Protein backbone atom coordinates (compact mmCIF):
# COMPACT_ATOMS: atom_id res chain seq x y z
CA MET A 1 367.90 106.85 -98.81
CA LYS A 2 370.91 106.98 -101.14
CA ILE A 3 373.14 105.33 -98.52
CA LYS A 4 370.55 102.59 -98.02
CA SER A 5 370.33 101.94 -101.78
CA VAL A 6 374.13 101.74 -102.02
CA LYS A 7 374.25 99.24 -99.16
CA PHE A 8 371.43 97.25 -100.77
CA LEU A 9 373.28 97.16 -104.08
CA ALA A 10 376.51 96.15 -102.34
CA VAL A 11 374.79 93.21 -100.64
CA ASP A 12 373.21 92.23 -103.97
CA ILE A 13 376.61 92.17 -105.67
CA LEU A 14 378.08 90.16 -102.81
CA LEU A 15 375.28 87.58 -103.01
CA MET A 16 375.69 87.28 -106.76
CA ILE A 17 379.43 86.73 -106.32
CA LEU A 18 378.80 84.09 -103.66
CA ALA A 19 376.32 82.33 -105.99
CA VAL A 20 378.79 82.29 -108.90
CA ALA A 21 381.94 81.60 -106.85
CA PRO A 22 381.30 77.83 -106.34
CA MET A 23 381.01 77.35 -110.12
CA LEU A 24 384.23 79.29 -110.71
CA PHE A 25 385.93 77.20 -108.05
CA GLY A 26 384.72 74.03 -109.77
CA ILE A 27 386.07 75.20 -113.13
CA ALA A 28 389.42 76.16 -111.62
CA LEU A 29 389.65 72.85 -109.78
CA LYS A 30 389.00 70.91 -112.97
CA ILE A 31 391.58 72.89 -114.94
CA LEU A 32 394.24 72.42 -112.27
CA THR A 33 393.59 68.70 -111.70
CA ASN A 34 392.47 67.53 -115.15
CA PRO A 35 395.17 65.28 -116.67
CA ALA A 36 396.23 65.82 -120.27
CA SER A 37 394.18 63.79 -122.75
CA GLY A 38 395.18 62.77 -126.24
CA GLY A 39 391.64 62.43 -127.64
CA ILE A 40 388.10 61.41 -126.83
CA GLU A 41 387.65 60.13 -123.30
CA ILE A 42 384.47 58.90 -121.64
CA ALA A 43 384.95 58.08 -117.98
CA GLY A 44 383.21 58.43 -114.64
CA ALA A 45 383.85 60.99 -111.97
CA ARG A 46 387.50 61.46 -111.03
CA ILE A 47 388.60 60.61 -107.48
CA TYR A 48 390.36 63.60 -105.94
CA PHE A 49 391.49 61.85 -102.75
CA THR A 50 390.47 59.04 -100.40
CA LEU A 51 389.70 59.29 -96.69
CA LYS A 52 391.00 56.39 -94.65
CA LEU A 53 388.19 55.06 -92.43
CA PRO A 54 388.09 52.01 -90.07
CA ILE A 55 385.47 49.99 -91.98
CA GLN A 56 385.87 51.18 -95.56
CA ASP A 57 387.78 53.98 -97.25
CA LEU A 58 385.72 56.93 -98.50
CA PRO A 59 386.71 58.28 -101.94
CA ILE A 60 385.98 61.98 -102.49
CA THR A 61 384.97 62.22 -106.13
CA GLU A 62 384.28 64.90 -108.66
CA SER A 63 380.54 64.26 -108.43
CA GLN A 64 380.53 64.78 -104.64
CA ILE A 65 382.47 68.05 -104.89
CA ASN A 66 380.23 69.32 -107.71
CA SER A 67 377.10 68.37 -105.75
CA TRP A 68 378.19 70.55 -102.84
CA LEU A 69 379.10 73.37 -105.24
CA VAL A 70 375.57 73.23 -106.68
CA ILE A 71 374.07 73.25 -103.17
CA PHE A 72 376.09 76.32 -102.20
CA SER A 73 375.18 78.11 -105.44
CA VAL A 74 371.47 77.36 -105.06
CA PHE A 75 371.60 78.49 -101.40
CA TRP A 76 373.11 81.88 -102.19
CA LEU A 77 370.79 82.26 -105.20
CA CYS A 78 367.82 81.78 -102.87
CA ILE A 79 369.25 84.38 -100.49
CA TYR A 80 369.65 86.75 -103.43
CA PHE A 81 366.04 86.28 -104.58
CA THR A 82 364.71 86.88 -101.06
CA HIS A 83 366.98 89.84 -100.27
CA GLY A 84 364.91 92.94 -99.62
CA ILE A 85 361.63 91.04 -99.80
CA SER A 86 358.60 93.07 -98.78
CA GLU A 87 354.86 92.56 -98.28
CA LYS A 88 354.17 94.34 -101.55
CA PRO A 89 356.52 93.21 -104.36
CA GLN A 90 358.81 96.03 -105.45
CA THR A 91 361.39 94.13 -107.51
CA LYS A 92 361.20 91.73 -110.46
CA ARG A 93 363.15 89.07 -108.61
CA GLN A 94 360.60 89.03 -105.80
CA LEU A 95 357.91 88.46 -108.42
CA ILE A 96 359.99 85.61 -109.85
CA ALA A 97 360.51 84.15 -106.36
CA GLU A 98 356.79 84.36 -105.57
CA TRP A 99 355.93 82.77 -108.93
CA ILE A 100 358.30 79.86 -108.20
CA ILE A 101 356.79 79.36 -104.72
CA GLU A 102 353.18 79.57 -105.93
CA THR A 103 353.83 77.22 -108.87
CA THR A 104 355.54 74.67 -106.64
CA GLU A 105 352.74 74.83 -104.05
CA LYS A 106 350.10 74.31 -106.76
CA LEU A 107 352.12 71.40 -108.17
CA VAL A 108 352.38 69.75 -104.76
CA LYS A 109 348.73 70.28 -103.80
CA GLY A 110 347.56 69.10 -107.22
CA ASN A 111 349.57 65.88 -107.08
CA MET A 112 349.77 65.13 -103.36
CA GLY A 113 346.76 66.81 -101.78
CA GLU A 114 346.34 69.35 -99.01
CA TYR A 115 347.85 67.04 -96.38
CA PHE A 116 351.26 67.22 -98.09
CA SER A 117 351.26 70.98 -98.72
CA GLY A 118 354.35 71.32 -96.53
CA PHE A 119 356.32 69.30 -99.09
CA ALA A 120 356.63 72.30 -101.42
CA PRO A 121 360.13 73.34 -100.20
CA PHE A 122 361.37 69.75 -100.48
CA VAL A 123 360.04 69.37 -104.03
CA ALA A 124 361.49 72.76 -105.01
CA ALA A 125 364.87 71.65 -103.64
CA ILE A 126 364.74 68.42 -105.67
CA LEU A 127 363.92 70.34 -108.84
CA ALA A 128 366.65 72.96 -108.28
CA ILE A 129 369.45 70.59 -107.22
CA SER A 130 368.71 68.07 -109.98
CA ALA A 131 368.32 70.63 -112.76
CA PHE A 132 371.41 72.66 -111.80
CA SER A 133 373.46 69.48 -111.40
CA SER A 134 372.60 68.40 -114.95
CA LEU A 135 373.24 71.89 -116.34
CA LEU A 136 376.84 71.83 -115.09
CA THR A 137 377.81 70.30 -118.45
CA LEU A 138 377.17 73.72 -120.02
CA ILE A 139 380.22 75.10 -118.20
CA GLY A 140 382.33 71.98 -118.72
CA LEU A 141 381.90 70.40 -115.29
CA TYR A 142 381.00 66.81 -114.55
CA PRO A 143 377.23 66.56 -113.78
CA PRO A 144 376.57 64.74 -110.48
CA THR A 145 373.40 63.32 -112.01
CA SER A 146 375.68 61.19 -114.24
CA ASP A 147 376.90 59.39 -111.12
CA ILE A 148 374.64 56.55 -109.94
CA ASN A 149 375.89 57.01 -106.37
CA ILE A 150 374.52 60.56 -106.18
CA VAL A 151 371.13 59.80 -107.72
CA ALA A 152 370.80 56.58 -105.74
CA GLY A 153 371.29 58.62 -102.54
CA TRP A 154 368.37 60.85 -103.54
CA ALA A 155 366.26 57.78 -104.36
CA ILE A 156 367.03 56.16 -101.00
CA LEU A 157 365.99 59.37 -99.21
CA VAL A 158 362.69 59.37 -101.13
CA PHE A 159 362.24 55.66 -100.34
CA ILE A 160 362.63 56.41 -96.63
CA LEU A 161 359.92 59.05 -96.90
CA ILE A 162 357.66 56.67 -98.83
CA THR A 163 358.08 54.00 -96.15
CA TYR A 164 357.54 56.52 -93.35
CA TYR A 165 354.17 57.65 -94.72
CA LYS A 166 353.14 54.08 -95.54
CA MET A 167 353.71 53.24 -91.85
CA LYS A 168 351.54 56.12 -90.62
CA CYS A 169 348.91 53.57 -89.58
CA GLY A 170 351.47 51.43 -87.81
CA PRO A 171 353.89 48.67 -88.84
CA VAL A 172 351.18 45.97 -88.76
CA HIS A 173 349.06 47.86 -91.28
CA TYR A 174 352.15 48.36 -93.44
CA LEU A 175 353.00 44.65 -93.46
CA LYS A 176 349.39 43.72 -94.24
CA SER A 177 349.50 46.03 -97.29
CA PHE A 178 351.89 43.60 -98.98
CA GLY A 179 349.03 41.07 -99.08
CA ASP A 180 346.76 43.33 -101.17
CA PRO A 181 344.80 42.43 -103.18
CA VAL A 182 345.50 38.75 -102.46
CA PRO A 183 348.04 37.26 -100.00
CA PHE A 184 349.93 35.11 -102.52
CA LEU A 185 351.07 38.30 -104.34
CA ALA A 186 353.07 39.38 -101.28
CA PRO A 187 356.47 38.34 -102.75
CA LEU A 188 355.78 40.41 -105.89
CA ASN A 189 354.71 43.38 -103.78
CA VAL A 190 357.94 43.17 -101.78
CA ILE A 191 359.97 43.13 -105.00
CA SER A 192 357.94 46.10 -106.29
CA GLU A 193 358.67 47.98 -103.07
CA VAL A 194 362.43 47.45 -103.37
CA ALA A 195 362.34 48.21 -107.09
CA THR A 196 360.96 51.72 -106.50
CA PRO A 197 364.23 53.47 -105.53
CA VAL A 198 366.20 51.35 -108.01
CA SER A 199 363.99 52.39 -110.93
CA MET A 200 364.04 56.06 -109.85
CA ALA A 201 367.82 56.11 -109.62
CA PHE A 202 368.52 54.29 -112.90
CA ARG A 203 365.93 56.29 -114.85
CA HIS A 204 367.44 59.62 -113.87
CA TYR A 205 371.07 58.49 -114.03
CA GLY A 206 370.67 56.60 -117.32
CA ASN A 207 369.03 59.46 -119.19
CA ILE A 208 371.61 62.07 -118.15
CA LEU A 209 374.60 59.80 -118.72
CA SER A 210 373.36 58.62 -122.12
CA GLY A 211 372.87 62.21 -123.26
CA THR A 212 376.42 63.12 -122.21
CA VAL A 213 377.92 60.09 -123.96
CA ILE A 214 375.96 60.68 -127.18
CA SER A 215 376.99 64.36 -127.26
CA VAL A 216 380.70 63.47 -126.84
CA LEU A 217 380.55 60.72 -129.47
CA ILE A 218 378.83 62.94 -132.04
CA ALA A 219 381.27 65.81 -131.39
CA ALA A 220 384.22 63.45 -131.85
CA ALA A 221 382.68 61.98 -135.02
CA LEU A 222 382.11 65.45 -136.46
CA GLN A 223 385.75 66.34 -135.76
CA GLY A 224 386.97 63.24 -137.60
CA LEU A 225 384.54 63.84 -140.49
CA SER A 226 385.66 67.44 -140.76
CA ASN A 227 389.32 66.38 -141.00
CA MET A 228 388.44 63.80 -143.62
CA VAL A 229 386.26 66.02 -145.80
CA LEU A 230 387.90 69.43 -145.32
CA GLY A 231 391.46 68.42 -144.43
CA TRP A 232 392.61 69.32 -147.93
CA LEU A 233 392.20 73.03 -147.17
CA PRO A 234 395.57 74.82 -147.02
CA GLY A 235 397.36 75.75 -143.81
CA VAL A 236 395.44 76.32 -140.60
CA LEU A 237 392.06 76.06 -142.35
CA GLY A 238 392.52 72.32 -142.79
CA GLU A 239 392.94 71.89 -139.04
CA ILE A 240 389.75 73.73 -138.06
CA PRO A 241 386.85 71.31 -137.36
CA PHE A 242 384.22 73.30 -139.27
CA LEU A 243 381.60 70.55 -138.98
CA GLN A 244 381.78 70.85 -135.17
CA ILE A 245 380.55 74.43 -135.32
CA GLY A 246 376.88 74.75 -134.35
CA ILE A 247 375.75 71.10 -134.39
CA PRO A 248 377.08 70.16 -130.88
CA ALA A 249 375.52 73.37 -129.53
CA VAL A 250 372.11 72.37 -130.92
CA LEU A 251 372.47 68.90 -129.43
CA SER A 252 373.44 70.47 -126.12
CA ILE A 253 370.13 72.35 -126.03
CA TYR A 254 368.34 69.01 -125.99
CA PHE A 255 370.66 66.70 -124.04
CA ASP A 256 371.94 69.24 -121.48
CA VAL A 257 369.16 71.77 -121.08
CA PHE A 258 365.85 70.17 -122.08
CA SER A 259 366.62 66.59 -120.99
CA GLY A 260 368.28 67.71 -117.73
CA CYS A 261 365.31 69.87 -116.72
CA LEU A 262 362.87 67.20 -117.87
CA GLN A 263 364.52 64.48 -115.78
CA ALA A 264 364.51 66.80 -112.75
CA PHE A 265 360.77 67.33 -113.23
CA ILE A 266 360.13 63.58 -113.69
CA PHE A 267 362.12 62.73 -110.54
CA ALA A 268 360.13 65.31 -108.54
CA MET A 269 356.82 64.05 -109.97
CA LEU A 270 357.67 60.43 -109.11
CA THR A 271 358.62 61.54 -105.61
CA MET A 272 355.28 63.23 -105.09
CA LEU A 273 353.24 60.40 -106.62
CA TYR A 274 355.03 57.58 -104.77
CA ILE A 275 354.74 59.32 -101.37
CA SER A 276 351.13 60.41 -101.75
CA SER A 277 349.91 57.14 -103.29
CA GLY A 278 351.63 55.10 -100.55
CA PHE A 279 349.98 57.12 -97.78
CA PRO A 280 346.81 55.29 -96.51
CA ALA A 281 344.78 58.48 -96.09
CA GLU A 282 341.41 56.90 -95.33
CA ASP A 283 342.81 54.39 -92.83
CA TYR A 284 344.88 57.13 -91.21
CA LYS A 285 341.78 59.35 -90.74
CA LYS A 286 339.81 56.46 -89.24
CA ARG A 287 342.70 55.63 -86.90
CA LYS A 288 343.07 59.26 -85.88
CA ASN A 289 339.34 59.71 -85.26
CA LYS A 290 339.24 56.50 -83.24
CA LYS A 291 342.15 57.74 -81.13
CA ILE A 292 340.41 61.09 -80.52
CA LYS A 293 337.20 59.36 -79.44
CA SER A 294 339.04 57.09 -77.06
CA GLU A 295 340.84 60.08 -75.48
CA VAL A 296 337.49 61.96 -75.09
CA ASN A 297 335.84 58.94 -73.45
């Protein structure tokens, strides 16, 4: 029993190291590749290198690398939470894991219905990847959610799912839906369809980016104000930005933690609502029942 517990603990430690290692790698990579800066700097994701491709070159950016680091961290964190899982919960982390699963399933069933109950893992993945990506600012890394390319990729994936479920009754039914409630509104309905992924991407990206920019600007302003008001202090005391102590941390609680988690939740909610509302449930049931009757006859 003692040997088993030692092995269990060793695996736990290994999984925790694997979950933290991607973040440590990201911090080390930023330190080693970050160019010296003389002051405040607001820029997009840095390009580490570019892959030469026949049609168009593919730049490998900071946001892409950090996205994969978040994915690896979340993966190993999931393995850690499910390590040693049993029919009867014996650890606190299993209770936490079960609470996360049950809460996500209730959220999906409540917003999408029983038909989409299998979407719970997908929604949980959206919440985790989006939230953890935004929270990277807490350890000084560039948040992938501040890159429109990353968030637009998520929005396009959701748009494909929306279109797939809208076409459950066939392409003809899908095309006819653009004429509801009256045919002459079809152009507006087409624009609305295309605007769905665009609005999802810009809403998420804009809120995270604006929070990051505001935090940097306020921190820089407080540093300048501290030098102006308290620069008369003798020696090293005059160089310490006292006004920067505490205030940026409070702002970070809102812009980095609260806003990041809130935007992850909003993106997941929009995903569920757009997919479920676009699915023609009644027409699909009628079509399915008609198909069953024709096969029986």
